[in-house]
Amino acid sequence: LWMQAAGMDNVLQLDGGILGYFEQVG
């Protein structure tokens, strides 16, 4: 959100973070 507000429109967040990534795909 901060990067978007600073003018970067090419930013996504990893949904659920690292723990969510581990849980879903290893």
mmCIF file of all heavy atoms, coordinates in Angstrom:
data_MODEL
# 
_entry.id   MODEL 
# 
loop_
_atom_site.group_PDB 
_atom_site.id 
_atom_site.type_symbol 
_atom_site.label_atom_id 
_atom_site.label_alt_id 
_atom_site.label_comp_id 
_atom_site.label_asym_id 
_atom_site.label_entity_id 
_atom_site.label_seq_id 
_atom_site.pdbx_PDB_ins_code 
_atom_site.Cartn_x 
_atom_site.Cartn_y 
_atom_site.Cartn_z 
_atom_site.occupancy 
_atom_site.B_iso_or_equiv 
_atom_site.pdbx_formal_charge 
_atom_site.auth_seq_id 
_atom_site.auth_comp_id 
_atom_site.auth_asym_id 
_atom_site.auth_atom_id 
_atom_site.pdbx_PDB_model_num 
ATOM 1   N N   . LEU A 1 1  ? 0.823  -1.200  0.000   1.00 0.00 ? 1  LEU A N   1 
ATOM 2   C CA  . LEU A 1 1  ? 0.000  0.000   0.000   1.00 0.00 ? 1  LEU A CA  1 
ATOM 3   C C   . LEU A 1 1  ? 0.862  1.258   0.000   1.00 0.00 ? 1  LEU A C   1 
ATOM 4   O O   . LEU A 1 1  ? 0.548  2.243   -0.680  1.00 0.00 ? 1  LEU A O   1 
ATOM 5   C CB  . LEU A 1 1  ? -0.933 -0.003  1.219   1.00 0.00 ? 1  LEU A CB  1 
ATOM 6   C CG  . LEU A 1 1  ? -2.097 -0.995  1.156   1.00 0.00 ? 1  LEU A CG  1 
ATOM 7   C CD1 . LEU A 1 1  ? -2.770 -1.097  2.516   1.00 0.00 ? 1  LEU A CD1 1 
ATOM 8   C CD2 . LEU A 1 1  ? -3.103 -0.588  0.098   1.00 0.00 ? 1  LEU A CD2 1 
ATOM 9   N N   . TRP A 1 2  ? 1.943  1.245   0.775   1.00 0.00 ? 2  TRP A N   1 
ATOM 10  C CA  . TRP A 1 2  ? 2.839  2.405   0.789   1.00 0.00 ? 2  TRP A CA  1 
ATOM 11  C C   . TRP A 1 2  ? 3.472  2.619   -0.590  1.00 0.00 ? 2  TRP A C   1 
ATOM 12  O O   . TRP A 1 2  ? 3.548  3.745   -1.085  1.00 0.00 ? 2  TRP A O   1 
ATOM 13  C CB  . TRP A 1 2  ? 3.933  2.226   1.838   1.00 0.00 ? 2  TRP A CB  1 
ATOM 14  C CG  . TRP A 1 2  ? 4.985  3.280   1.700   1.00 0.00 ? 2  TRP A CG  1 
ATOM 15  C CD1 . TRP A 1 2  ? 4.892  4.586   2.101   1.00 0.00 ? 2  TRP A CD1 1 
ATOM 16  C CD2 . TRP A 1 2  ? 6.244  3.146   1.040   1.00 0.00 ? 2  TRP A CD2 1 
ATOM 17  N NE1 . TRP A 1 2  ? 6.042  5.272   1.745   1.00 0.00 ? 2  TRP A NE1 1 
ATOM 18  C CE2 . TRP A 1 2  ? 6.884  4.416   1.102   1.00 0.00 ? 2  TRP A CE2 1 
ATOM 19  C CE3 . TRP A 1 2  ? 6.906  2.085   0.429   1.00 0.00 ? 2  TRP A CE3 1 
ATOM 20  C CZ2 . TRP A 1 2  ? 8.143  4.634   0.560   1.00 0.00 ? 2  TRP A CZ2 1 
ATOM 21  C CZ3 . TRP A 1 2  ? 8.158  2.297   -0.113  1.00 0.00 ? 2  TRP A CZ3 1 
ATOM 22  C CH2 . TRP A 1 2  ? 8.770  3.565   -0.048  1.00 0.00 ? 2  TRP A CH2 1 
ATOM 23  N N   . MET A 1 3  ? 3.926  1.540   -1.215  1.00 0.00 ? 3  MET A N   1 
ATOM 24  C CA  . MET A 1 3  ? 4.554  1.670   -2.527  1.00 0.00 ? 3  MET A CA  1 
ATOM 25  C C   . MET A 1 3  ? 3.557  2.188   -3.566  1.00 0.00 ? 3  MET A C   1 
ATOM 26  O O   . MET A 1 3  ? 3.907  3.007   -4.427  1.00 0.00 ? 3  MET A O   1 
ATOM 27  C CB  . MET A 1 3  ? 5.175  0.343   -2.953  1.00 0.00 ? 3  MET A CB  1 
ATOM 28  C CG  . MET A 1 3  ? 6.449  0.019   -2.186  1.00 0.00 ? 3  MET A CG  1 
ATOM 29  S SD  . MET A 1 3  ? 7.312  -1.463  -2.776  1.00 0.00 ? 3  MET A SD  1 
ATOM 30  C CE  . MET A 1 3  ? 6.321  -2.738  -2.000  1.00 0.00 ? 3  MET A CE  1 
ATOM 31  N N   . GLN A 1 4  ? 2.324  1.725   -3.489  1.00 0.00 ? 4  GLN A N   1 
ATOM 32  C CA  . GLN A 1 4  ? 1.292  2.255   -4.383  1.00 0.00 ? 4  GLN A CA  1 
ATOM 33  C C   . GLN A 1 4  ? 1.092  3.755   -4.162  1.00 0.00 ? 4  GLN A C   1 
ATOM 34  O O   . GLN A 1 4  ? 1.021  4.534   -5.120  1.00 0.00 ? 4  GLN A O   1 
ATOM 35  C CB  . GLN A 1 4  ? -0.027 1.522   -4.151  1.00 0.00 ? 4  GLN A CB  1 
ATOM 36  C CG  . GLN A 1 4  ? -0.097 0.140   -4.768  1.00 0.00 ? 4  GLN A CG  1 
ATOM 37  C CD  . GLN A 1 4  ? -1.492 -0.434  -4.649  1.00 0.00 ? 4  GLN A CD  1 
ATOM 38  O OE1 . GLN A 1 4  ? -2.157 -0.296  -3.620  1.00 0.00 ? 4  GLN A OE1 1 
ATOM 39  N NE2 . GLN A 1 4  ? -1.952 -1.087  -5.696  1.00 0.00 ? 4  GLN A NE2 1 
ATOM 40  N N   . ALA A 1 5  ? 1.004  4.157   -2.898  1.00 0.00 ? 5  ALA A N   1 
ATOM 41  C CA  . ALA A 1 5  ? 0.811  5.569   -2.580  1.00 0.00 ? 5  ALA A CA  1 
ATOM 42  C C   . ALA A 1 5  ? 2.005  6.408   -3.033  1.00 0.00 ? 5  ALA A C   1 
ATOM 43  O O   . ALA A 1 5  ? 1.866  7.599   -3.315  1.00 0.00 ? 5  ALA A O   1 
ATOM 44  C CB  . ALA A 1 5  ? 0.586  5.742   -1.078  1.00 0.00 ? 5  ALA A CB  1 
ATOM 45  N N   . ALA A 1 6  ? 3.182  5.755   -3.113  1.00 0.00 ? 6  ALA A N   1 
ATOM 46  C CA  . ALA A 1 6  ? 4.397  6.446   -3.537  1.00 0.00 ? 6  ALA A CA  1 
ATOM 47  C C   . ALA A 1 6  ? 4.560  6.444   -5.054  1.00 0.00 ? 6  ALA A C   1 
ATOM 48  O O   . ALA A 1 6  ? 5.593  6.874   -5.574  1.00 0.00 ? 6  ALA A O   1 
ATOM 49  C CB  . ALA A 1 6  ? 5.611  5.808   -2.881  1.00 0.00 ? 6  ALA A CB  1 
ATOM 50  N N   . GLY A 1 7  ? 3.556  5.928   -5.771  1.00 0.00 ? 7  GLY A N   1 
ATOM 51  C CA  . GLY A 1 7  ? 3.572  5.999   -7.223  1.00 0.00 ? 7  GLY A CA  1 
ATOM 52  C C   . GLY A 1 7  ? 3.978  4.740   -7.954  1.00 0.00 ? 7  GLY A C   1 
ATOM 53  O O   . GLY A 1 7  ? 4.104  4.746   -9.179  1.00 0.00 ? 7  GLY A O   1 
ATOM 54  N N   . MET A 1 8  ? 4.151  3.631   -7.230  1.00 0.00 ? 8  MET A N   1 
ATOM 55  C CA  . MET A 1 8  ? 4.502  2.365   -7.870  1.00 0.00 ? 8  MET A CA  1 
ATOM 56  C C   . MET A 1 8  ? 3.220  1.571   -8.123  1.00 0.00 ? 8  MET A C   1 
ATOM 57  O O   . MET A 1 8  ? 2.556  1.148   -7.176  1.00 0.00 ? 8  MET A O   1 
ATOM 58  C CB  . MET A 1 8  ? 5.473  1.564   -6.995  1.00 0.00 ? 8  MET A CB  1 
ATOM 59  C CG  . MET A 1 8  ? 6.800  2.262   -6.770  1.00 0.00 ? 8  MET A CG  1 
ATOM 60  S SD  . MET A 1 8  ? 7.916  1.348   -5.652  1.00 0.00 ? 8  MET A SD  1 
ATOM 61  C CE  . MET A 1 8  ? 8.234  -0.134  -6.638  1.00 0.00 ? 8  MET A CE  1 
ATOM 62  N N   . ASP A 1 9  ? 2.882  1.378   -9.395  1.00 0.00 ? 9  ASP A N   1 
ATOM 63  C CA  . ASP A 1 9  ? 1.636  0.680   -9.725  1.00 0.00 ? 9  ASP A CA  1 
ATOM 64  C C   . ASP A 1 9  ? 1.878  -0.758  -10.154 1.00 0.00 ? 9  ASP A C   1 
ATOM 65  O O   . ASP A 1 9  ? 0.981  -1.411  -10.705 1.00 0.00 ? 9  ASP A O   1 
ATOM 66  C CB  . ASP A 1 9  ? 0.877  1.431   -10.818 1.00 0.00 ? 9  ASP A CB  1 
ATOM 67  C CG  . ASP A 1 9  ? 1.686  1.571   -12.102 1.00 0.00 ? 9  ASP A CG  1 
ATOM 68  O OD1 . ASP A 1 9  ? 2.828  1.053   -12.146 1.00 0.00 ? 9  ASP A OD1 1 
ATOM 69  O OD2 . ASP A 1 9  ? 1.190  2.203   -13.045 1.00 0.00 ? 9  ASP A OD2 1 
ATOM 70  N N   . ASN A 1 10 ? 3.077  -1.270  -9.891  1.00 0.00 ? 10 ASN A N   1 
ATOM 71  C CA  . ASN A 1 10 ? 3.447  -2.623  -10.321 1.00 0.00 ? 10 ASN A CA  1 
ATOM 72  C C   . ASN A 1 10 ? 3.701  -3.544  -9.145  1.00 0.00 ? 10 ASN A C   1 
ATOM 73  O O   . ASN A 1 10 ? 4.501  -4.459  -9.219  1.00 0.00 ? 10 ASN A O   1 
ATOM 74  C CB  . ASN A 1 10 ? 4.704  -2.567  -11.202 1.00 0.00 ? 10 ASN A CB  1 
ATOM 75  C CG  . ASN A 1 10 ? 5.885  -1.897  -10.484 1.00 0.00 ? 10 ASN A CG  1 
ATOM 76  O OD1 . ASN A 1 10 ? 5.684  -1.057  -9.614  1.00 0.00 ? 10 ASN A OD1 1 
ATOM 77  N ND2 . ASN A 1 10 ? 7.094  -2.261  -10.861 1.00 0.00 ? 10 ASN A ND2 1 
ATOM 78  N N   . VAL A 1 11 ? 2.988  -3.294  -8.033  1.00 0.00 ? 11 VAL A N   1 
ATOM 79  C CA  . VAL A 1 11 ? 3.258  -4.007  -6.788  1.00 0.00 ? 11 VAL A CA  1 
ATOM 80  C C   . VAL A 1 11 ? 2.073  -4.866  -6.375  1.00 0.00 ? 11 VAL A C   1 
ATOM 81  O O   . VAL A 1 11 ? 0.921  -4.419  -6.409  1.00 0.00 ? 11 VAL A O   1 
ATOM 82  C CB  . VAL A 1 11 ? 3.585  -3.018  -5.651  1.00 0.00 ? 11 VAL A CB  1 
ATOM 83  C CG1 . VAL A 1 11 ? 3.873  -3.777  -4.359  1.00 0.00 ? 11 VAL A CG1 1 
ATOM 84  C CG2 . VAL A 1 11 ? 4.769  -2.154  -6.031  1.00 0.00 ? 11 VAL A CG2 1 
ATOM 85  N N   . LEU A 1 12 ? 2.373  -6.102  -5.986  1.00 0.00 ? 12 LEU A N   1 
ATOM 86  C CA  . LEU A 1 12 ? 1.398  -7.023  -5.412  1.00 0.00 ? 12 LEU A CA  1 
ATOM 87  C C   . LEU A 1 12 ? 1.915  -7.478  -4.056  1.00 0.00 ? 12 LEU A C   1 
ATOM 88  O O   . LEU A 1 12 ? 3.102  -7.375  -3.758  1.00 0.00 ? 12 LEU A O   1 
ATOM 89  C CB  . LEU A 1 12 ? 1.218  -8.255  -6.305  1.00 0.00 ? 12 LEU A CB  1 
ATOM 90  C CG  . LEU A 1 12 ? 0.834  -8.033  -7.768  1.00 0.00 ? 12 LEU A CG  1 
ATOM 91  C CD1 . LEU A 1 12 ? 0.916  -9.342  -8.530  1.00 0.00 ? 12 LEU A CD1 1 
ATOM 92  C CD2 . LEU A 1 12 ? -0.574 -7.453  -7.862  1.00 0.00 ? 12 LEU A CD2 1 
ATOM 93  N N   . GLN A 1 13 ? 1.033  -8.022  -3.236  1.00 0.00 ? 13 GLN A N   1 
ATOM 94  C CA  . GLN A 1 13 ? 1.440  -8.659  -1.992  1.00 0.00 ? 13 GLN A CA  1 
ATOM 95  C C   . GLN A 1 13 ? 1.217  -10.160 -2.123  1.00 0.00 ? 13 GLN A C   1 
ATOM 96  O O   . GLN A 1 13 ? 0.302  -10.609 -2.828  1.00 0.00 ? 13 GLN A O   1 
ATOM 97  C CB  . GLN A 1 13 ? 0.631  -8.128  -0.818  1.00 0.00 ? 13 GLN A CB  1 
ATOM 98  C CG  . GLN A 1 13 ? -0.874 -8.374  -0.983  1.00 0.00 ? 13 GLN A CG  1 
ATOM 99  C CD  . GLN A 1 13 ? -1.665 -8.139  0.272   1.00 0.00 ? 13 GLN A CD  1 
ATOM 100 O OE1 . GLN A 1 13 ? -1.260 -8.524  1.355   1.00 0.00 ? 13 GLN A OE1 1 
ATOM 101 N NE2 . GLN A 1 13 ? -2.826 -7.504  0.122   1.00 0.00 ? 13 GLN A NE2 1 
ATOM 102 N N   . LEU A 1 14 ? 2.062  -10.946 -1.451  1.00 0.00 ? 14 LEU A N   1 
ATOM 103 C CA  . LEU A 1 14 ? 1.856  -12.389 -1.406  1.00 0.00 ? 14 LEU A CA  1 
ATOM 104 C C   . LEU A 1 14 ? 0.750  -12.683 -0.407  1.00 0.00 ? 14 LEU A C   1 
ATOM 105 O O   . LEU A 1 14 ? 0.910  -12.453 0.794   1.00 0.00 ? 14 LEU A O   1 
ATOM 106 C CB  . LEU A 1 14 ? 3.144  -13.103 -1.008  1.00 0.00 ? 14 LEU A CB  1 
ATOM 107 C CG  . LEU A 1 14 ? 3.025  -14.619 -0.793  1.00 0.00 ? 14 LEU A CG  1 
ATOM 108 C CD1 . LEU A 1 14 ? 2.479  -15.318 -2.024  1.00 0.00 ? 14 LEU A CD1 1 
ATOM 109 C CD2 . LEU A 1 14 ? 4.370  -15.204 -0.385  1.00 0.00 ? 14 LEU A CD2 1 
ATOM 110 N N   . ASP A 1 15 ? -0.356 -13.173 -0.871  1.00 0.00 ? 15 ASP A N   1 
ATOM 111 C CA  . ASP A 1 15 ? -1.504 -13.431 -0.012  1.00 0.00 ? 15 ASP A CA  1 
ATOM 112 C C   . ASP A 1 15 ? -1.158 -14.484 1.040   1.00 0.00 ? 15 ASP A C   1 
ATOM 113 O O   . ASP A 1 15 ? -0.769 -15.598 0.705   1.00 0.00 ? 15 ASP A O   1 
ATOM 114 C CB  . ASP A 1 15 ? -2.695 -13.910 -0.855  1.00 0.00 ? 15 ASP A CB  1 
ATOM 115 C CG  . ASP A 1 15 ? -4.006 -13.799 -0.118  1.00 0.00 ? 15 ASP A CG  1 
ATOM 116 O OD1 . ASP A 1 15 ? -4.101 -13.004 0.831   1.00 0.00 ? 15 ASP A OD1 1 
ATOM 117 O OD2 . ASP A 1 15 ? -4.958 -14.507 -0.491  1.00 0.00 ? 15 ASP A OD2 1 
ATOM 118 N N   . GLY A 1 16 ? -1.253 -14.103 2.315   1.00 0.00 ? 16 GLY A N   1 
ATOM 119 C CA  . GLY A 1 16 ? -0.970 -15.028 3.395   1.00 0.00 ? 16 GLY A CA  1 
ATOM 120 C C   . GLY A 1 16 ? 0.487  -15.128 3.793   1.00 0.00 ? 16 GLY A C   1 
ATOM 121 O O   . GLY A 1 16 ? 0.830  -15.869 4.716   1.00 0.00 ? 16 GLY A O   1 
ATOM 122 N N   . GLY A 1 17 ? 1.356  -14.378 3.117   1.00 0.00 ? 17 GLY A N   1 
ATOM 123 C CA  . GLY A 1 17 ? 2.758  -14.371 3.480   1.00 0.00 ? 17 GLY A CA  1 
ATOM 124 C C   . GLY A 1 17 ? 3.460  -15.706 3.280   1.00 0.00 ? 17 GLY A C   1 
ATOM 125 O O   . GLY A 1 17 ? 2.957  -16.617 2.613   1.00 0.00 ? 17 GLY A O   1 
ATOM 126 N N   . ILE A 1 18 ? 4.638  -15.830 3.881   1.00 0.00 ? 18 ILE A N   1 
ATOM 127 C CA  . ILE A 1 18 ? 5.437  -17.051 3.743   1.00 0.00 ? 18 ILE A CA  1 
ATOM 128 C C   . ILE A 1 18 ? 4.710  -18.249 4.336   1.00 0.00 ? 18 ILE A C   1 
ATOM 129 O O   . ILE A 1 18 ? 4.697  -19.338 3.747   1.00 0.00 ? 18 ILE A O   1 
ATOM 130 C CB  . ILE A 1 18 ? 6.807  -16.878 4.429   1.00 0.00 ? 18 ILE A CB  1 
ATOM 131 C CG1 . ILE A 1 18 ? 7.592  -15.738 3.789   1.00 0.00 ? 18 ILE A CG1 1 
ATOM 132 C CG2 . ILE A 1 18 ? 7.614  -18.170 4.359   1.00 0.00 ? 18 ILE A CG2 1 
ATOM 133 C CD1 . ILE A 1 18 ? 8.807  -15.314 4.602   1.00 0.00 ? 18 ILE A CD1 1 
ATOM 134 N N   . LEU A 1 19 ? 4.093  -18.067 5.496   1.00 0.00 ? 19 LEU A N   1 
ATOM 135 C CA  . LEU A 1 19 ? 3.413  -19.200 6.133   1.00 0.00 ? 19 LEU A CA  1 
ATOM 136 C C   . LEU A 1 19 ? 2.262  -19.700 5.274   1.00 0.00 ? 19 LEU A C   1 
ATOM 137 O O   . LEU A 1 19 ? 2.030  -20.906 5.172   1.00 0.00 ? 19 LEU A O   1 
ATOM 138 C CB  . LEU A 1 19 ? 2.924  -18.809 7.528   1.00 0.00 ? 19 LEU A CB  1 
ATOM 139 C CG  . LEU A 1 19 ? 4.015  -18.458 8.542   1.00 0.00 ? 19 LEU A CG  1 
ATOM 140 C CD1 . LEU A 1 19 ? 3.392  -18.145 9.899   1.00 0.00 ? 19 LEU A CD1 1 
ATOM 141 C CD2 . LEU A 1 19 ? 5.035  -19.582 8.677   1.00 0.00 ? 19 LEU A CD2 1 
ATOM 142 N N   . GLY A 1 20 ? 1.544  -18.788 4.647   1.00 0.00 ? 20 GLY A N   1 
ATOM 143 C CA  . GLY A 1 20 ? 0.479  -19.203 3.739   1.00 0.00 ? 20 GLY A CA  1 
ATOM 144 C C   . GLY A 1 20 ? 1.026  -19.913 2.519   1.00 0.00 ? 20 GLY A C   1 
ATOM 145 O O   . GLY A 1 20 ? 0.427  -20.875 2.019   1.00 0.00 ? 20 GLY A O   1 
ATOM 146 N N   . TYR A 1 21 ? 2.178  -19.455 2.043   1.00 0.00 ? 21 TYR A N   1 
ATOM 147 C CA  . TYR A 1 21 ? 2.839  -20.098 0.899   1.00 0.00 ? 21 TYR A CA  1 
ATOM 148 C C   . TYR A 1 21 ? 3.262  -21.516 1.276   1.00 0.00 ? 21 TYR A C   1 
ATOM 149 O O   . TYR A 1 21 ? 3.005  -22.477 0.530   1.00 0.00 ? 21 TYR A O   1 
ATOM 150 C CB  . TYR A 1 21 ? 4.041  -19.257 0.489   1.00 0.00 ? 21 TYR A CB  1 
ATOM 151 C CG  . TYR A 1 21 ? 4.717  -19.698 -0.796  1.00 0.00 ? 21 TYR A CG  1 
ATOM 152 C CD1 . TYR A 1 21 ? 4.282  -19.205 -2.024  1.00 0.00 ? 21 TYR A CD1 1 
ATOM 153 C CD2 . TYR A 1 21 ? 5.794  -20.580 -0.790  1.00 0.00 ? 21 TYR A CD2 1 
ATOM 154 C CE1 . TYR A 1 21 ? 4.899  -19.582 -3.211  1.00 0.00 ? 21 TYR A CE1 1 
ATOM 155 C CE2 . TYR A 1 21 ? 6.415  -20.966 -1.974  1.00 0.00 ? 21 TYR A CE2 1 
ATOM 156 C CZ  . TYR A 1 21 ? 5.968  -20.463 -3.179  1.00 0.00 ? 21 TYR A CZ  1 
ATOM 157 O OH  . TYR A 1 21 ? 6.576  -20.849 -4.348  1.00 0.00 ? 21 TYR A OH  1 
ATOM 158 N N   . PHE A 1 22 ? 3.902  -21.673 2.428   1.00 0.00 ? 22 PHE A N   1 
ATOM 159 C CA  . PHE A 1 22 ? 4.302  -23.008 2.890   1.00 0.00 ? 22 PHE A CA  1 
ATOM 160 C C   . PHE A 1 22 ? 3.085  -23.923 2.996   1.00 0.00 ? 22 PHE A C   1 
ATOM 161 O O   . PHE A 1 22 ? 3.121  -25.087 2.595   1.00 0.00 ? 22 PHE A O   1 
ATOM 162 C CB  . PHE A 1 22 ? 4.969  -22.910 4.261   1.00 0.00 ? 22 PHE A CB  1 
ATOM 163 C CG  . PHE A 1 22 ? 6.395  -22.413 4.246   1.00 0.00 ? 22 PHE A CG  1 
ATOM 164 C CD1 . PHE A 1 22 ? 7.071  -22.217 5.442   1.00 0.00 ? 22 PHE A CD1 1 
ATOM 165 C CD2 . PHE A 1 22 ? 7.057  -22.146 3.068   1.00 0.00 ? 22 PHE A CD2 1 
ATOM 166 C CE1 . PHE A 1 22 ? 8.383  -21.770 5.464   1.00 0.00 ? 22 PHE A CE1 1 
ATOM 167 C CE2 . PHE A 1 22 ? 8.372  -21.686 3.059   1.00 0.00 ? 22 PHE A CE2 1 
ATOM 168 C CZ  . PHE A 1 22 ? 9.034  -21.497 4.266   1.00 0.00 ? 22 PHE A CZ  1 
ATOM 169 N N   . GLU A 1 23 ? 2.018  -23.404 3.574   1.00 0.00 ? 23 GLU A N   1 
ATOM 170 C CA  . GLU A 1 23 ? 0.811  -24.195 3.826   1.00 0.00 ? 23 GLU A CA  1 
ATOM 171 C C   . GLU A 1 23 ? 0.186  -24.675 2.521   1.00 0.00 ? 23 GLU A C   1 
ATOM 172 O O   . GLU A 1 23 ? -0.298 -25.805 2.433   1.00 0.00 ? 23 GLU A O   1 
ATOM 173 C CB  . GLU A 1 23 ? -0.178 -23.349 4.621   1.00 0.00 ? 23 GLU A CB  1 
ATOM 174 C CG  . GLU A 1 23 ? -1.381 -24.105 5.159   1.00 0.00 ? 23 GLU A CG  1 
ATOM 175 C CD  . GLU A 1 23 ? -2.242 -23.227 6.049   1.00 0.00 ? 23 GLU A CD  1 
ATOM 176 O OE1 . GLU A 1 23 ? -2.621 -22.114 5.623   1.00 0.00 ? 23 GLU A OE1 1 
ATOM 177 O OE2 . GLU A 1 23 ? -2.529 -23.647 7.176   1.00 0.00 ? 23 GLU A OE2 1 
ATOM 178 N N   . GLN A 1 24 ? 0.212  -23.831 1.483   1.00 0.00 ? 24 GLN A N   1 
ATOM 179 C CA  . GLN A 1 24 ? -0.509 -24.160 0.256   1.00 0.00 ? 24 GLN A CA  1 
ATOM 180 C C   . GLN A 1 24 ? 0.347  -24.842 -0.809  1.00 0.00 ? 24 GLN A C   1 
ATOM 181 O O   . GLN A 1 24 ? -0.153 -25.703 -1.530  1.00 0.00 ? 24 GLN A O   1 
ATOM 182 C CB  . GLN A 1 24 ? -1.139 -22.894 -0.323  1.00 0.00 ? 24 GLN A CB  1 
ATOM 183 C CG  . GLN A 1 24 ? -2.227 -22.299 0.563   1.00 0.00 ? 24 GLN A CG  1 
ATOM 184 C CD  . GLN A 1 24 ? -2.928 -21.131 -0.085  1.00 0.00 ? 24 GLN A CD  1 
ATOM 185 O OE1 . GLN A 1 24 ? -3.186 -21.118 -1.284  1.00 0.00 ? 24 GLN A OE1 1 
ATOM 186 N NE2 . GLN A 1 24 ? -3.262 -20.125 0.707   1.00 0.00 ? 24 GLN A NE2 1 
ATOM 187 N N   . VAL A 1 25 ? 1.616  -24.454 -0.921  1.00 0.00 ? 25 VAL A N   1 
ATOM 188 C CA  . VAL A 1 25 ? 2.428  -25.013 -2.010  1.00 0.00 ? 25 VAL A CA  1 
ATOM 189 C C   . VAL A 1 25 ? 3.767  -25.569 -1.555  1.00 0.00 ? 25 VAL A C   1 
ATOM 190 O O   . VAL A 1 25 ? 4.521  -26.110 -2.365  1.00 0.00 ? 25 VAL A O   1 
ATOM 191 C CB  . VAL A 1 25 ? 2.661  -23.981 -3.139  1.00 0.00 ? 25 VAL A CB  1 
ATOM 192 C CG1 . VAL A 1 25 ? 1.350  -23.492 -3.707  1.00 0.00 ? 25 VAL A CG1 1 
ATOM 193 C CG2 . VAL A 1 25 ? 3.482  -22.792 -2.641  1.00 0.00 ? 25 VAL A CG2 1 
ATOM 194 N N   . GLY A 1 26 ? 4.116  -25.428 -0.269  1.00 0.00 ? 26 GLY A N   1 
ATOM 195 C CA  . GLY A 1 26 ? 5.403  -25.941 0.190   1.00 0.00 ? 26 GLY A CA  1 
ATOM 196 C C   . GLY A 1 26 ? 6.518  -24.928 -0.006  1.00 0.00 ? 26 GLY A C   1 
ATOM 197 O O   . GLY A 1 26 ? 6.295  -23.723 0.036   1.00 0.00 ? 26 GLY A O   1 
# 
